[in-house]
Protein backbone atom coordinates (compact mmCIF):
# COMPACT_ATOMS: atom_id res chain seq x y z
CA UNK A 1 8.65 20.29 27.63
CA UNK A 2 6.44 22.54 29.73
CA UNK A 3 7.88 25.90 30.60
CA UNK A 4 7.18 29.54 31.34
CA UNK A 5 9.63 32.32 30.55
CA UNK A 6 9.53 35.84 31.95
CA UNK A 7 10.74 39.01 30.26
CA UNK A 8 10.37 42.76 30.54
CA UNK A 9 12.18 43.57 33.74
CA UNK A 10 14.59 46.45 34.10
CA UNK A 11 15.61 49.57 35.97
CA UNK A 12 12.95 52.26 36.37
CA UNK A 13 12.58 55.41 38.44
CA UNK A 14 9.95 55.68 41.17
CA UNK A 15 6.59 56.48 39.63
CA UNK A 16 7.53 54.78 36.39
CA UNK A 17 6.02 51.78 34.61
CA UNK A 18 7.04 48.42 33.24
CA UNK A 19 5.23 45.59 31.52
CA UNK A 20 6.30 42.07 32.34
CA UNK A 21 5.52 39.19 30.02
CA UNK A 22 5.22 35.48 30.68
CA UNK A 23 5.44 33.17 27.66
CA UNK A 24 4.10 29.65 28.12
CA UNK A 25 4.64 26.47 26.14
CA UNK A 26 4.29 22.71 26.44
CA UNK A 27 1.10 22.48 28.50
CA UNK A 28 -2.65 23.09 28.21
CA UNK A 29 -2.43 26.85 28.69
CA UNK A 30 -6.18 27.57 28.69
CA UNK A 31 -6.65 25.35 31.74
CA UNK A 32 -3.82 26.81 33.74
CA UNK A 33 -3.89 29.83 35.95
CA UNK A 34 -0.80 32.01 35.98
CA UNK A 35 0.58 33.69 39.04
CA UNK A 36 3.19 36.39 39.40
CA UNK A 37 5.40 36.25 42.48
CA UNK A 38 8.29 38.41 43.57
CA UNK A 39 11.23 38.10 45.89
CA UNK A 40 13.06 41.07 47.31
CA UNK A 41 16.61 40.70 48.61
CA UNK A 42 16.59 39.04 52.01
CA UNK A 43 12.84 38.51 51.97
CA UNK A 44 10.49 35.61 51.40
CA UNK A 45 8.88 35.24 47.99
CA UNK A 46 5.35 36.64 47.90
CA UNK A 47 2.37 36.45 45.57
CA UNK A 48 1.70 39.63 43.60
CA UNK A 49 -1.15 38.77 41.24
CA UNK A 50 -2.72 35.82 39.49
CA UNK A 51 -5.25 35.10 36.78
CA UNK A 52 -7.41 32.09 36.05
CA UNK A 53 -7.21 30.09 32.84
CA UNK A 54 -10.12 31.89 31.22
CA UNK A 55 -8.98 35.26 32.48
CA UNK A 56 -12.30 35.84 34.25
CA UNK A 57 -10.83 35.79 37.76
CA UNK A 58 -7.92 37.88 38.99
CA UNK A 59 -6.40 38.47 42.40
CA UNK A 60 -3.94 41.06 43.64
CA UNK A 61 -1.89 41.51 46.76
CA UNK A 62 -3.03 44.50 48.78
CA UNK A 63 0.32 46.20 48.23
CA UNK A 64 -0.18 46.39 44.46
CA UNK A 65 -3.95 46.89 44.09
CA UNK A 66 -4.72 49.85 41.88
CA UNK A 67 -1.16 49.95 40.49
CA UNK A 68 -0.63 46.57 38.82
CA UNK A 69 -2.86 44.93 36.21
CA UNK A 70 -2.68 41.31 35.09
CA UNK A 71 -4.04 40.10 31.75
CA UNK A 72 -3.65 37.16 29.40
CA UNK A 73 -3.91 36.34 25.73
CA UNK A 74 -4.72 32.67 25.38
CA UNK A 75 -4.27 32.70 21.60
CA UNK A 76 -0.66 33.75 22.10
CA UNK A 77 -0.15 31.79 25.34
CA UNK A 78 1.00 34.94 27.05
CA UNK A 79 0.32 36.59 30.39
CA UNK A 80 1.19 40.21 31.11
CA UNK A 81 1.68 42.17 34.28
CA UNK A 82 1.49 45.94 33.88
CA UNK A 83 3.32 47.70 36.69
CA UNK A 84 2.43 51.36 37.18
CA UNK A 85 3.32 53.93 39.84
CA UNK A 86 6.30 51.83 40.83
CA UNK A 87 7.84 52.25 44.25
CA UNK A 88 11.30 51.26 45.54
CA UNK A 89 9.64 48.52 47.59
CA UNK A 90 8.49 46.88 44.36
CA UNK A 91 12.11 45.97 43.64
CA UNK A 92 12.79 42.26 43.35
CA UNK A 93 12.93 39.28 41.07
CA UNK A 94 9.54 38.62 39.51
CA UNK A 95 8.58 35.05 38.68
CA UNK A 96 5.64 33.69 36.77
CA UNK A 97 4.26 30.26 37.53
CA UNK A 98 1.53 28.02 36.09
CA UNK A 99 -0.91 25.93 38.09
CA UNK A 100 -4.23 24.20 37.34
CA UNK A 101 -7.03 26.72 36.98
CA UNK A 102 -9.41 24.46 38.88
CA UNK A 103 -7.85 25.69 42.12
CA UNK A 104 -9.39 29.12 41.54
CA UNK A 105 -12.81 27.54 42.04
CA UNK A 106 -11.75 25.34 44.94
CA UNK A 107 -9.84 27.78 47.11
CA UNK A 108 -10.37 31.21 45.57
CA UNK A 109 -7.97 33.95 46.61
CA UNK A 110 -5.67 31.53 48.43
CA UNK A 111 -4.20 30.62 45.01
CA UNK A 112 -2.13 33.78 45.41
CA UNK A 113 -0.48 32.57 48.60
CA UNK A 114 -0.18 28.82 47.98
CA UNK A 115 2.95 28.28 45.93
CA UNK A 116 2.69 24.51 46.07
CA UNK A 117 -0.25 24.68 43.63
CA UNK A 118 2.04 25.82 40.84
CA UNK A 119 3.64 23.19 38.62
CA UNK A 120 5.88 25.25 36.36
CA UNK A 121 8.11 28.15 37.36
CA UNK A 122 10.21 30.52 35.33
CA UNK A 123 13.71 31.74 36.13
CA UNK A 124 12.57 35.24 36.98
CA UNK A 125 13.16 38.76 35.70
CA UNK A 126 14.72 41.54 37.77
CA UNK A 127 12.76 44.71 38.48
CA UNK A 128 14.67 47.54 40.13
CA UNK A 129 12.95 50.76 41.14
CA UNK A 130 15.50 53.42 42.01
CA UNK A 131 16.56 56.97 41.24
């Protein structure tokens, strides 16, 4: 059974850091890109960052560039999202999702904003940035 499972969320003060993890199983991980999305209360879900199957291509939303870093370990079937310099507006439920890596070649950066490309979604992990 193919699945992705997020972990690592929590409560952190502004300026703090968290590392989110996405554990994958049941599909050909090396050929799947992984995206991180988030949904704040009352807002539409948005793409935060994504990484191709090989890890050679990454994309970030403008709002997180320079603060968040995505990486993957294909041997462990894991993807990580390092969140630094967190702001209250980063609060939300963070989801990871897996989609065919071939889309990174076909449509480039639009993989970050095209949720229909993603086959497998996790249940999400809550990130709250507050004093």
